[in-house]
PDB file of N, CA and C in Angstrom:
ATOM      1  N   LEU A   1       0.836  -1.182   0.000  1.00  0.00           N
ATOM      2  CA  LEU A   1       0.000   0.000   0.000  1.00  0.00           C
ATOM      3  C   LEU A   1       0.884   1.249   0.000  1.00  0.00           C
ATOM      4  N   LEU A   2       0.594   2.141  -0.906  1.00  0.00           N
ATOM      5  CA  LEU A   2       1.354   3.385  -0.973  1.00  0.00           C
ATOM      6  C   LEU A   2       0.770   4.406  -0.007  1.00  0.00           C
ATOM      7  N   ALA A   3       1.647   5.198   0.588  1.00  0.00           N
ATOM      8  CA  ALA A   3       1.181   6.281   1.460  1.00  0.00           C
ATOM      9  C   ALA A   3       0.452   7.309   0.600  1.00  0.00           C
ATOM     10  N   PRO A   4      -0.607   7.927   1.123  1.00  0.00           N
ATOM     11  CA  PRO A   4      -1.323   8.930   0.321  1.00  0.00           C
ATOM     12  C   PRO A   4      -0.436  10.136   0.020  1.00  0.00           C
ATOM     13  N   GLU A   5      -0.676  10.717  -1.133  1.00  0.00           N
ATOM     14  CA  GLU A   5       0.073  11.905  -1.545  1.00  0.00           C
ATOM     15  C   GLU A   5      -0.576  13.120  -0.888  1.00  0.00           C
ATOM     16  N   ARG A   6       0.244  13.978  -0.302  1.00  0.00           N
ATOM     17  CA  ARG A   6      -0.272  15.198   0.340  1.00  0.00           C
ATOM     18  C   ARG A   6      -0.119  16.354  -0.648  1.00  0.00           C
ATOM     19  N   VAL A   7      -1.247  17.005  -0.941  1.00  0.00           N
ATOM     20  CA  VAL A   7      -1.274  18.061  -1.951  1.00  0.00           C
ATOM     21  C   VAL A   7      -1.812  19.349  -1.327  1.00  0.00           C
ATOM     22  N   GLU A   8      -1.132  20.472  -1.600  1.00  0.00           N
ATOM     23  CA  GLU A   8      -1.620  21.779  -1.146  1.00  0.00           C
ATOM     24  C   GLU A   8      -2.660  22.294  -2.137  1.00  0.00           C
ATOM     25  N   VAL A   9      -3.815  22.682  -1.618  1.00  0.00           N
ATOM     26  CA  VAL A   9      -4.874  23.247  -2.454  1.00  0.00           C
ATOM     27  C   VAL A   9      -5.121  24.680  -1.981  1.00  0.00           C
ATOM     28  N   ALA A  10      -4.812  25.653  -2.851  1.00  0.00           N
ATOM     29  CA  ALA A  10      -4.986  27.069  -2.490  1.00  0.00           C
ATOM     30  C   ALA A  10      -6.470  27.374  -2.327  1.00  0.00           C
ATOM     31  N   THR A  11      -6.809  28.124  -1.258  1.00  0.00           N
ATOM     32  CA  THR A  11      -8.215  28.471  -1.028  1.00  0.00           C
ATOM     33  C   THR A  11      -8.468  29.970  -1.166  1.00  0.00           C
ATOM     34  N   GLY A  12      -7.428  30.794  -0.981  1.00  0.00           N
ATOM     35  CA  GLY A  12      -7.636  32.234  -1.096  1.00  0.00           C
ATOM     36  C   GLY A  12      -6.373  33.020  -0.804  1.00  0.00           C
ATOM     37  N   ARG A  13      -6.428  34.321  -1.110  1.00  0.00           N
ATOM     38  CA  ARG A  13      -5.294  35.217  -0.852  1.00  0.00           C
ATOM     39  C   ARG A  13      -5.797  36.465  -0.157  1.00  0.00           C
ATOM     40  N   ALA A  14      -4.960  36.969   0.756  1.00  0.00           N
ATOM     41  CA  ALA A  14      -5.306  38.204   1.465  1.00  0.00           C
ATOM     42  C   ALA A  14      -4.088  39.113   1.488  1.00  0.00           C
ATOM     43  N   LEU A  15      -4.330  40.407   1.378  1.00  0.00           N
ATOM     44  CA  LEU A  15      -3.275  41.409   1.419  1.00  0.00           C
ATOM     45  C   LEU A  15      -3.280  42.066   2.790  1.00  0.00           C
ATOM     46  N   VAL A  16      -2.091  42.169   3.403  1.00  0.00           N
ATOM     47  CA  VAL A  16      -1.978  42.823   4.710  1.00  0.00           C
ATOM     48  C   VAL A  16      -2.002  44.336   4.482  1.00  0.00           C
ATOM     49  N   LEU A  17      -3.043  44.997   4.983  1.00  0.00           N
ATOM     50  CA  LEU A  17      -3.190  46.446   4.820  1.00  0.00           C
ATOM     51  C   LEU A  17      -2.557  47.197   5.984  1.00  0.00           C
ATOM     52  N   ARG A  18      -2.628  46.591   7.173  1.00  0.00           N
ATOM     53  CA  ARG A  18      -2.136  47.244   8.378  1.00  0.00           C
ATOM     54  C   ARG A  18      -1.809  46.191   9.419  1.00  0.00           C
ATOM     55  N   THR A  19      -0.867  46.493  10.309  1.00  0.00           N
ATOM     56  CA  THR A  19      -0.557  45.558  11.390  1.00  0.00           C
ATOM     57  C   THR A  19      -0.829  46.225  12.732  1.00  0.00           C
ATOM     58  N   PHE A  20      -1.205  45.412  13.692  1.00  0.00           N
ATOM     59  CA  PHE A  20      -1.507  45.892  15.040  1.00  0.00           C
ATOM     60  C   PHE A  20      -0.726  45.044  16.024  1.00  0.00           C
ATOM     61  N   SER A  21       0.054  45.693  16.894  1.00  0.00           N
ATOM     62  CA  SER A  21       0.786  44.967  17.930  1.00  0.00           C
ATOM     63  C   SER A  21      -0.026  44.978  19.209  1.00  0.00           C
ATOM     64  N   ILE A  22      -0.299  43.800  19.719  1.00  0.00           N
ATOM     65  CA  ILE A  22      -1.047  43.671  20.969  1.00  0.00           C
ATOM     66  C   ILE A  22      -0.155  42.918  21.943  1.00  0.00           C
ATOM     67  N   SER A  23       0.084  43.522  23.102  1.00  0.00           N
ATOM     68  CA  SER A  23       1.127  43.030  24.009  1.00  0.00           C
ATOM     69  C   SER A  23       0.982  41.563  24.394  1.00  0.00           C
ATOM     70  N   ARG A  24      -0.199  41.102  24.737  1.00  0.00           N
ATOM     71  CA  ARG A  24      -0.329  39.721  25.210  1.00  0.00           C
ATOM     72  C   ARG A  24      -0.401  38.694  24.091  1.00  0.00           C
ATOM     73  N   THR A  25      -0.931  39.094  22.940  1.00  0.00           N
ATOM     74  CA  THR A  25      -1.172  38.094  21.897  1.00  0.00           C
ATOM     75  C   THR A  25      -0.170  38.122  20.756  1.00  0.00           C
ATOM     76  N   GLY A  26       0.421  39.255  20.458  1.00  0.00           N
ATOM     77  CA  GLY A  26       1.363  39.339  19.344  1.00  0.00           C
ATOM     78  C   GLY A  26       0.852  40.285  18.277  1.00  0.00           C
ATOM     79  N   THR A  27       1.247  40.045  17.041  1.00  0.00           N
ATOM     80  CA  THR A  27       0.901  40.932  15.933  1.00  0.00           C
ATOM     81  C   THR A  27      -0.319  40.412  15.183  1.00  0.00           C
ATOM     82  N   ILE A  28      -1.277  41.299  14.974  1.00  0.00           N
ATOM     83  CA  ILE A  28      -2.474  40.988  14.199  1.00  0.00           C
ATOM     84  C   ILE A  28      -2.299  41.640  12.827  1.00  0.00           C
ATOM     85  N   ALA A  29      -2.560  40.879  11.771  1.00  0.00           N
ATOM     86  CA  ALA A  29      -2.499  41.405  10.411  1.00  0.00           C
ATOM     87  C   ALA A  29      -3.909  41.803   9.995  1.00  0.00           C
ATOM     88  N   GLY A  30      -4.108  43.101   9.732  1.00  0.00           N
ATOM     89  CA  GLY A  30      -5.390  43.581   9.214  1.00  0.00           C
ATOM     90  C   GLY A  30      -5.374  43.388   7.711  1.00  0.00           C
ATOM     91  N   CYS A  31      -6.232  42.521   7.194  1.00  0.00           N
ATOM     92  CA  CYS A  31      -6.156  42.094   5.792  1.00  0.00           C
ATOM     93  C   CYS A  31      -7.457  42.319   5.045  1.00  0.00           C
ATOM     94  N   ARG A  32      -7.341  42.376   3.717  1.00  0.00           N
ATOM     95  CA  ARG A  32      -8.499  42.304   2.827  1.00  0.00           C
ATOM     96  C   ARG A  32      -8.324  41.045   1.983  1.00  0.00           C
ATOM     97  N   VAL A  33      -9.374  40.228   1.948  1.00  0.00           N
ATOM     98  CA  VAL A  33      -9.321  38.997   1.154  1.00  0.00           C
ATOM     99  C   VAL A  33      -9.487  39.383  -0.316  1.00  0.00           C
ATOM    100  N   LEU A  34      -8.469  39.077  -1.122  1.00  0.00           N
ATOM    101  CA  LEU A  34      -8.459  39.469  -2.535  1.00  0.00           C
ATOM    102  C   LEU A  34      -9.245  38.497  -3.406  1.00  0.00           C
ATOM    103  N   ASN A  35      -9.101  37.197  -3.133  1.00  0.00           N
ATOM    104  CA  ASN A  35      -9.874  36.203  -3.880  1.00  0.00           C
ATOM    105  C   ASN A  35     -10.043  34.939  -3.056  1.00  0.00           C
ATOM    106  N   GLY A  36     -11.054  34.168  -3.390  1.00  0.00           N
ATOM    107  CA  GLY A  36     -11.329  32.943  -2.648  1.00  0.00           C
ATOM    108  C   GLY A  36     -11.817  33.248  -1.245  1.00  0.00           C
ATOM    109  N   SER A  37     -11.400  32.413  -0.302  1.00  0.00           N
ATOM    110  CA  SER A  37     -11.769  32.631   1.096  1.00  0.00           C
ATOM    111  C   SER A  37     -10.655  32.120   2.001  1.00  0.00           C
ATOM    112  N   ILE A  38     -10.614  32.668   3.201  1.00  0.00           N
ATOM    113  CA  ILE A  38      -9.651  32.251   4.216  1.00  0.00           C
ATOM    114  C   ILE A  38     -10.459  31.549   5.300  1.00  0.00           C
ATOM    115  N   GLU A  39     -10.079  30.324   5.621  1.00  0.00           N
ATOM    116  CA  GLU A  39     -10.771  29.575   6.664  1.00  0.00           C
ATOM    117  C   GLU A  39      -9.869  29.419   7.874  1.00  0.00           C
ATOM    118  N   ARG A  40     -10.482  29.333   9.036  1.00  0.00           N
ATOM    119  CA  ARG A  40      -9.759  29.259  10.309  1.00  0.00           C
ATOM    120  C   ARG A  40      -8.794  28.073  10.368  1.00  0.00           C
ATOM    121  N   ASN A  41      -9.159  26.951   9.736  1.00  0.00           N
ATOM    122  CA  ASN A  41      -8.308  25.762   9.811  1.00  0.00           C
ATOM    123  C   ASN A  41      -7.294  25.662   8.670  1.00  0.00           C
ATOM    124  N   ASN A  42      -7.190  26.709   7.843  1.00  0.00           N
ATOM    125  CA  ASN A  42      -6.190  26.729   6.767  1.00  0.00           C
ATOM    126  C   ASN A  42      -4.799  26.962   7.330  1.00  0.00           C
ATOM    127  N   ARG A  43      -3.800  26.663   6.512  1.00  0.00           N
ATOM    128  CA  ARG A  43      -2.439  27.124   6.769  1.00  0.00           C
ATOM    129  C   ARG A  43      -2.197  28.266   5.788  1.00  0.00           C
ATOM    130  N   VAL A  44      -1.174  29.079   6.058  1.00  0.00           N
ATOM    131  CA  VAL A  44      -0.945  30.279   5.259  1.00  0.00           C
ATOM    132  C   VAL A  44       0.525  30.386   4.875  1.00  0.00           C
ATOM    133  N   HIS A  45       0.781  30.633   3.571  1.00  0.00           N
ATOM    134  CA  HIS A  45       2.127  31.005   3.123  1.00  0.00           C
ATOM    135  C   HIS A  45       2.237  32.514   3.292  1.00  0.00           C
ATOM    136  N   VAL A  46       3.310  32.991   3.920  1.00  0.00           N
ATOM    137  CA  VAL A  46       3.560  34.430   4.006  1.00  0.00           C
ATOM    138  C   VAL A  46       4.480  34.780   2.844  1.00  0.00           C
ATOM    139  N   ILE A  47       4.011  35.663   1.954  1.00  0.00           N
ATOM    140  CA  ILE A  47       4.776  36.035   0.761  1.00  0.00           C
ATOM    141  C   ILE A  47       5.166  37.500   0.880  1.00  0.00           C
ATOM    142  N   ARG A  48       6.476  37.760   0.817  1.00  0.00           N
ATOM    143  CA  ARG A  48       7.000  39.126   0.891  1.00  0.00           C
ATOM    144  C   ARG A  48       7.981  39.300  -0.260  1.00  0.00           C
ATOM    145  N   ASP A  49       7.827  40.364  -1.026  1.00  0.00           N
ATOM    146  CA  ASP A  49       8.684  40.627  -2.190  1.00  0.00           C
ATOM    147  C   ASP A  49       8.740  39.409  -3.111  1.00  0.00           C
ATOM    148  N   GLN A  50       7.599  38.785  -3.342  1.00  0.00           N
ATOM    149  CA  GLN A  50       7.436  37.639  -4.236  1.00  0.00           C
ATOM    150  C   GLN A  50       8.229  36.409  -3.802  1.00  0.00           C
ATOM    151  N   LYS A  51       8.596  36.346  -2.520  1.00  0.00           N
ATOM    152  CA  LYS A  51       9.275  35.163  -1.981  1.00  0.00           C
ATOM    153  C   LYS A  51       8.432  34.607  -0.844  1.00  0.00           C
ATOM    154  N   ILE A  52       8.265  33.278  -0.825  1.00  0.00           N
ATOM    155  CA  ILE A  52       7.545  32.641   0.279  1.00  0.00           C
ATOM    156  C   ILE A  52       8.488  32.562   1.468  1.00  0.00           C
ATOM    157  N   LEU A  53       8.112  33.197   2.585  1.00  0.00           N
ATOM    158  CA  LEU A  53       8.948  33.162   3.786  1.00  0.00           C
ATOM    159  C   LEU A  53       8.810  31.824   4.492  1.00  0.00           C
ATOM    160  N   ASN A  54       7.576  31.382   4.709  1.00  0.00           N
ATOM    161  CA  ASN A  54       7.322  30.111   5.380  1.00  0.00           C
ATOM    162  C   ASN A  54       5.819  29.901   5.405  1.00  0.00           C
ATOM    163  N   ASP A  55       5.384  28.784   5.974  1.00  0.00           N
ATOM    164  CA  ASP A  55       3.943  28.621   6.157  1.00  0.00           C
ATOM    165  C   ASP A  55       3.631  28.435   7.635  1.00  0.00           C
ATOM    166  N   TYR A  56       2.479  28.961   8.029  1.00  0.00           N
ATOM    167  CA  TYR A  56       2.074  28.997   9.433  1.00  0.00           C
ATOM    168  C   TYR A  56       0.594  28.654   9.550  1.00  0.00           C
ATOM    169  N   GLY A  57       0.220  28.188  10.715  1.00  0.00           N
ATOM    170  CA  GLY A  57      -1.192  27.975  11.001  1.00  0.00           C
ATOM    171  C   GLY A  57      -1.836  29.292  11.395  1.00  0.00           C
ATOM    172  N   ILE A  58      -3.148  29.356  11.294  1.00  0.00           N
ATOM    173  CA  ILE A  58      -3.883  30.547  11.717  1.00  0.00           C
ATOM    174  C   ILE A  58      -4.287  30.350  13.176  1.00  0.00           C
ATOM    175  N   ALA A  59      -3.782  31.215  14.049  1.00  0.00           N
ATOM    176  CA  ALA A  59      -4.111  31.120  15.474  1.00  0.00           C
ATOM    177  C   ALA A  59      -5.452  31.789  15.761  1.00  0.00           C
ATOM    178  N   SER A  60      -5.766  32.850  15.007  1.00  0.00           N
ATOM    179  CA  SER A  60      -7.008  33.586  15.246  1.00  0.00           C
ATOM    180  C   SER A  60      -7.461  34.238  13.946  1.00  0.00           C
ATOM    181  N   LEU A  61      -8.754  34.147  13.665  1.00  0.00           N
ATOM    182  CA  LEU A  61      -9.346  34.776  12.485  1.00  0.00           C
ATOM    183  C   LEU A  61     -10.581  35.532  12.961  1.00  0.00           C
ATOM    184  N   ARG A  62     -10.590  36.849  12.733  1.00  0.00           N
ATOM    185  CA  ARG A  62     -11.710  37.671  13.216  1.00  0.00           C
ATOM    186  C   ARG A  62     -12.229  38.579  12.117  1.00  0.00           C
ATOM    187  N   ARG A  63     -13.520  38.788  12.162  1.00  0.00           N
ATOM    188  CA  ARG A  63     -14.187  39.745  11.277  1.00  0.00           C
ATOM    189  C   ARG A  63     -14.878  40.728  12.202  1.00  0.00           C
ATOM    190  N   GLU A  64     -14.563  42.032  12.061  1.00  0.00           N
ATOM    191  CA  GLU A  64     -14.992  43.032  13.045  1.00  0.00           C
ATOM    192  C   GLU A  64     -14.432  42.599  14.401  1.00  0.00           C
ATOM    193  N   LYS A  65     -15.278  42.427  15.414  1.00  0.00           N
ATOM    194  CA  LYS A  65     -14.794  41.999  16.738  1.00  0.00           C
ATOM    195  C   LYS A  65     -15.085  40.523  16.999  1.00  0.00           C
ATOM    196  N   ASP A  66     -15.715  39.852  16.045  1.00  0.00           N
ATOM    197  CA  ASP A  66     -16.178  38.478  16.263  1.00  0.00           C
ATOM    198  C   ASP A  66     -15.231  37.450  15.662  1.00  0.00           C
ATOM    199  N   ASP A  67     -15.096  36.317  16.348  1.00  0.00           N
ATOM    200  CA  ASP A  67     -14.349  35.201  15.778  1.00  0.00           C
ATOM    201  C   ASP A  67     -15.075  34.735  14.527  1.00  0.00           C
ATOM    202  N   ALA A  68     -14.300  34.337  13.513  1.00  0.00           N
ATOM    203  CA  ALA A  68     -14.904  33.878  12.264  1.00  0.00           C
ATOM    204  C   ALA A  68     -14.310  32.531  11.878  1.00  0.00           C
ATOM    205  N   ARG A  69     -15.142  31.693  11.261  1.00  0.00           N
ATOM    206  CA  ARG A  69     -14.629  30.433  10.733  1.00  0.00           C
ATOM    207  C   ARG A  69     -14.112  30.633   9.312  1.00  0.00           C
ATOM    208  N   GLU A  70     -14.711  31.612   8.618  1.00  0.00           N
ATOM    209  CA  GLU A  70     -14.351  31.843   7.221  1.00  0.00           C
ATOM    210  C   GLU A  70     -14.586  33.312   6.883  1.00  0.00           C
ATOM    211  N   VAL A  71     -13.680  33.879   6.064  1.00  0.00           N
ATOM    212  CA  VAL A  71     -13.862  35.239   5.556  1.00  0.00           C
ATOM    213  C   VAL A  71     -13.721  35.162   4.039  1.00  0.00           C
ATOM    214  N   ARG A  72     -14.711  35.684   3.333  1.00  0.00           N
ATOM    215  CA  ARG A  72     -14.750  35.566   1.870  1.00  0.00           C
ATOM    216  C   ARG A  72     -14.163  36.789   1.156  1.00  0.00           C
ATOM    217  N   GLU A  73     -13.994  36.624  -0.146  1.00  0.00           N
ATOM    218  CA  GLU A  73     -13.445  37.661  -1.023  1.00  0.00           C
ATOM    219  C   GLU A  73     -14.157  39.000  -0.833  1.00  0.00           C
ATOM    220  N   GLY A  74     -13.338  40.081  -0.747  1.00  0.00           N
ATOM    221  CA  GLY A  74     -13.889  41.425  -0.635  1.00  0.00           C
ATOM    222  C   GLY A  74     -14.031  41.922   0.790  1.00  0.00           C
ATOM    223  N   TYR A  75     -13.991  41.020   1.757  1.00  0.00           N
ATOM    224  CA  TYR A  75     -14.151  41.414   3.160  1.00  0.00           C
ATOM    225  C   TYR A  75     -12.797  41.641   3.820  1.00  0.00           C
ATOM    226  N   GLU A  76     -12.820  42.391   4.917  1.00  0.00           N
ATOM    227  CA  GLU A  76     -11.603  42.620   5.696  1.00  0.00           C
ATOM    228  C   GLU A  76     -11.670  41.797   6.968  1.00  0.00           C
ATOM    229  N   CYS A  77     -10.482  41.435   7.475  1.00  0.00           N
ATOM    230  CA  CYS A  77     -10.432  40.592   8.668  1.00  0.00           C
ATOM    231  C   CYS A  77      -9.109  40.802   9.392  1.00  0.00           C
ATOM    232  N   GLY A  78      -9.047  40.282  10.601  1.00  0.00           N
ATOM    233  CA  GLY A  78      -7.814  40.282  11.374  1.00  0.00           C
ATOM    234  C   GLY A  78      -7.317  38.854  11.489  1.00  0.00           C
ATOM    235  N   ILE A  79      -6.043  38.642  11.172  1.00  0.00           N
ATOM    236  CA  ILE A  79      -5.458  37.300  11.220  1.00  0.00           C
ATOM    237  C   ILE A  79      -4.236  37.339  12.123  1.00  0.00           C
ATOM    238  N   ARG A  80      -4.204  36.412  13.083  1.00  0.00           N
ATOM    239  CA  ARG A  80      -2.994  36.230  13.892  1.00  0.00           C
ATOM    240  C   ARG A  80      -2.434  34.869  13.544  1.00  0.00           C
ATOM    241  N   LEU A  81      -1.150  34.862  13.157  1.00  0.00           N
ATOM    242  CA  LEU A  81      -0.506  33.615  12.753  1.00  0.00           C
ATOM    243  C   LEU A  81       0.150  32.944  13.947  1.00  0.00           C
ATOM    244  N   ASP A  82       0.162  31.645  13.918  1.00  0.00           N
ATOM    245  CA  ASP A  82       0.736  30.840  14.992  1.00  0.00           C
ATOM    246  C   ASP A  82       2.259  30.840  14.867  1.00  0.00           C
ATOM    247  N   GLY A  83       2.952  31.497  15.796  1.00  0.00           N
ATOM    248  CA  GLY A  83       4.415  31.468  15.810  1.00  0.00           C
ATOM    249  C   GLY A  83       5.097  32.444  14.864  1.00  0.00           C
ATOM    250  N   PHE A  84       4.380  33.435  14.348  1.00  0.00           N
ATOM    251  CA  PHE A  84       4.996  34.414  13.438  1.00  0.00           C
ATOM    252  C   PHE A  84       4.430  35.794  13.741  1.00  0.00           C
ATOM    253  N   ASN A  85       5.295  36.707  14.211  1.00  0.00           N
ATOM    254  CA  ASN A  85       4.840  38.056  14.555  1.00  0.00           C
ATOM    255  C   ASN A  85       5.453  39.135  13.674  1.00  0.00           C
ATOM    256  N   ASP A  86       6.214  38.752  12.655  1.00  0.00           N
ATOM    257  CA  ASP A  86       6.920  39.726  11.828  1.00  0.00           C
ATOM    258  C   ASP A  86       6.141  40.073  10.555  1.00  0.00           C
ATOM    259  N   VAL A  87       4.819  40.077  10.636  1.00  0.00           N
ATOM    260  CA  VAL A  87       3.995  40.423   9.476  1.00  0.00           C
ATOM    261  C   VAL A  87       4.168  41.906   9.183  1.00  0.00           C
ATOM    262  N   LYS A  88       4.271  42.257   7.900  1.00  0.00           N
ATOM    263  CA  LYS A  88       4.445  43.654   7.512  1.00  0.00           C
ATOM    264  C   LYS A  88       3.350  44.052   6.517  1.00  0.00           C
ATOM    265  N   GLU A  89       3.051  45.359   6.482  1.00  0.00           N
ATOM    266  CA  GLU A  89       2.089  45.863   5.502  1.00  0.00           C
ATOM    267  C   GLU A  89       2.600  45.534   4.110  1.00  0.00           C
ATOM    268  N   GLY A  90       1.699  45.090   3.238  1.00  0.00           N
ATOM    269  CA  GLY A  90       2.086  44.727   1.878  1.00  0.00           C
ATOM    270  C   GLY A  90       2.378  43.244   1.710  1.00  0.00           C
ATOM    271  N   ASP A  91       2.510  42.496   2.818  1.00  0.00           N
ATOM    272  CA  ASP A  91       2.695  41.043   2.706  1.00  0.00           C
ATOM    273  C   ASP A  91       1.432  40.428   2.116  1.00  0.00           C
ATOM    274  N   LEU A  92       1.619  39.329   1.419  1.00  0.00           N
ATOM    275  CA  LEU A  92       0.500  38.580   0.869  1.00  0.00           C
ATOM    276  C   LEU A  92       0.376  37.291   1.668  1.00  0.00           C
ATOM    277  N   LEU A  93      -0.815  36.974   2.107  1.00  0.00           N
ATOM    278  CA  LEU A  93      -1.055  35.727   2.827  1.00  0.00           C
ATOM    279  C   LEU A  93      -1.848  34.813   1.900  1.00  0.00           C
ATOM    280  N   GLU A  94      -1.255  33.685   1.551  1.00  0.00           N
ATOM    281  CA  GLU A  94      -1.907  32.741   0.646  1.00  0.00           C
ATOM    282  C   GLU A  94      -2.357  31.532   1.458  1.00  0.00           C
ATOM    283  N   ALA A  95      -3.665  31.383   1.604  1.00  0.00           N
ATOM    284  CA  ALA A  95      -4.216  30.301   2.422  1.00  0.00           C
ATOM    285  C   ALA A  95      -4.318  29.023   1.598  1.00  0.00           C
ATOM    286  N   PHE A  96      -4.080  27.890   2.267  1.00  0.00           N
ATOM    287  CA  PHE A  96      -4.213  26.600   1.600  1.00  0.00           C
ATOM    288  C   PHE A  96      -4.618  25.540   2.611  1.00  0.00           C
ATOM    289  N   ARG A  97      -5.152  24.465   2.079  1.00  0.00           N
ATOM    290  CA  ARG A  97      -5.421  23.294   2.914  1.00  0.00           C
ATOM    291  C   ARG A  97      -4.665  22.123   2.301  1.00  0.00           C
ATOM    292  N   ILE A  98      -4.419  21.124   3.116  1.00  0.00           N
ATOM    293  CA  ILE A  98      -3.694  19.954   2.630  1.00  0.00           C
ATOM    294  C   ILE A  98      -4.688  18.818   2.448  1.00  0.00           C
ATOM    295  N   GLU A  99      -4.731  18.291   1.230  1.00  0.00           N
ATOM    296  CA  GLU A  99      -5.593  17.149   0.938  1.00  0.00           C
ATOM    297  C   GLU A  99      -4.720  15.930   0.726  1.00  0.00           C
ATOM    298  N   GLU A 100      -5.221  14.799   1.167  1.00  0.00           N
ATOM    299  CA  GLU A 100      -4.510  13.549   0.917  1.00  0.00           C
ATOM    300  C   GLU A 100      -5.209  12.842  -0.227  1.00  0.00           C
ATOM    301  N   ARG A 101      -4.424  12.457  -1.228  1.00  0.00           N
ATOM    302  CA  ARG A 101      -4.977  11.761  -2.387  1.00  0.00           C
ATOM    303  C   ARG A 101      -4.381  10.367  -2.450  1.00  0.00           C
ATOM    304  N   LYS A 102      -5.226   9.416  -2.761  1.00  0.00           N
ATOM    305  CA  LYS A 102      -4.747   8.038  -2.874  1.00  0.00           C
ATOM    306  C   LYS A 102      -3.835   7.931  -4.082  1.00  0.00           C
ATOM    307  N   ARG A 103      -2.780   7.153  -3.900  1.00  0.00           N
ATOM    308  CA  ARG A 103      -1.866   6.930  -5.017  1.00  0.00           C
ATOM    309  C   ARG A 103      -1.999   5.486  -5.477  1.00  0.00           C
ATOM    310  N   SER A 104      -1.712   5.283  -6.748  1.00  0.00           N
ATOM    311  CA  SER A 104      -1.686   3.915  -7.265  1.00  0.00           C
ATOM    312  C   SER A 104      -0.374   3.725  -8.000  1.00  0.00           C
ATOM    313  N   LEU A 105      -0.081   2.514  -8.354  1.00  0.00           N
ATOM    314  CA  LEU A 105       1.174   2.230  -9.054  1.00  0.00           C
ATOM    315  C   LEU A 105       1.178   2.813 -10.461  1.00  0.00           C
ATOM    316  N   ASP A 106      -0.002   3.182 -10.968  1.00  0.00           N
ATOM    317  CA  ASP A 106      -0.099   3.759 -12.312  1.00  0.00           C
ATOM    318  C   ASP A 106       0.377   5.203 -12.356  1.00  0.00           C
ATOM    319  N   ASP A 107       0.426   5.882 -11.196  1.00  0.00           N
ATOM    320  CA  ASP A 107       0.803   7.310 -11.144  1.00  0.00           C
ATOM    321  C   ASP A 107       2.246   7.521 -11.528  1.00  0.00           C
TER     322      ASP A 107
END
């Protein structure tokens, strides 16, 4: 039996418009979702100057003052990344989920 192939599936992109430093929690990225949607359980590639810095989990996703499970295209939201506080204005956050696909010997 072959191990399933893990594939990244892009779900949406958001542009960091502003950052907010909060002493107890870290840096919040104030973003506008450019296309697709950002979901709370997604992982995010941080892209700066057209280079992927790394990928991180989403620790917090908020719309206005409320926790959100998903934010769709055209809306603004606050995103706090798990283990990354160096978000800068102009960064692009590319959300993705990981799907496992069955492999066969024909692949």
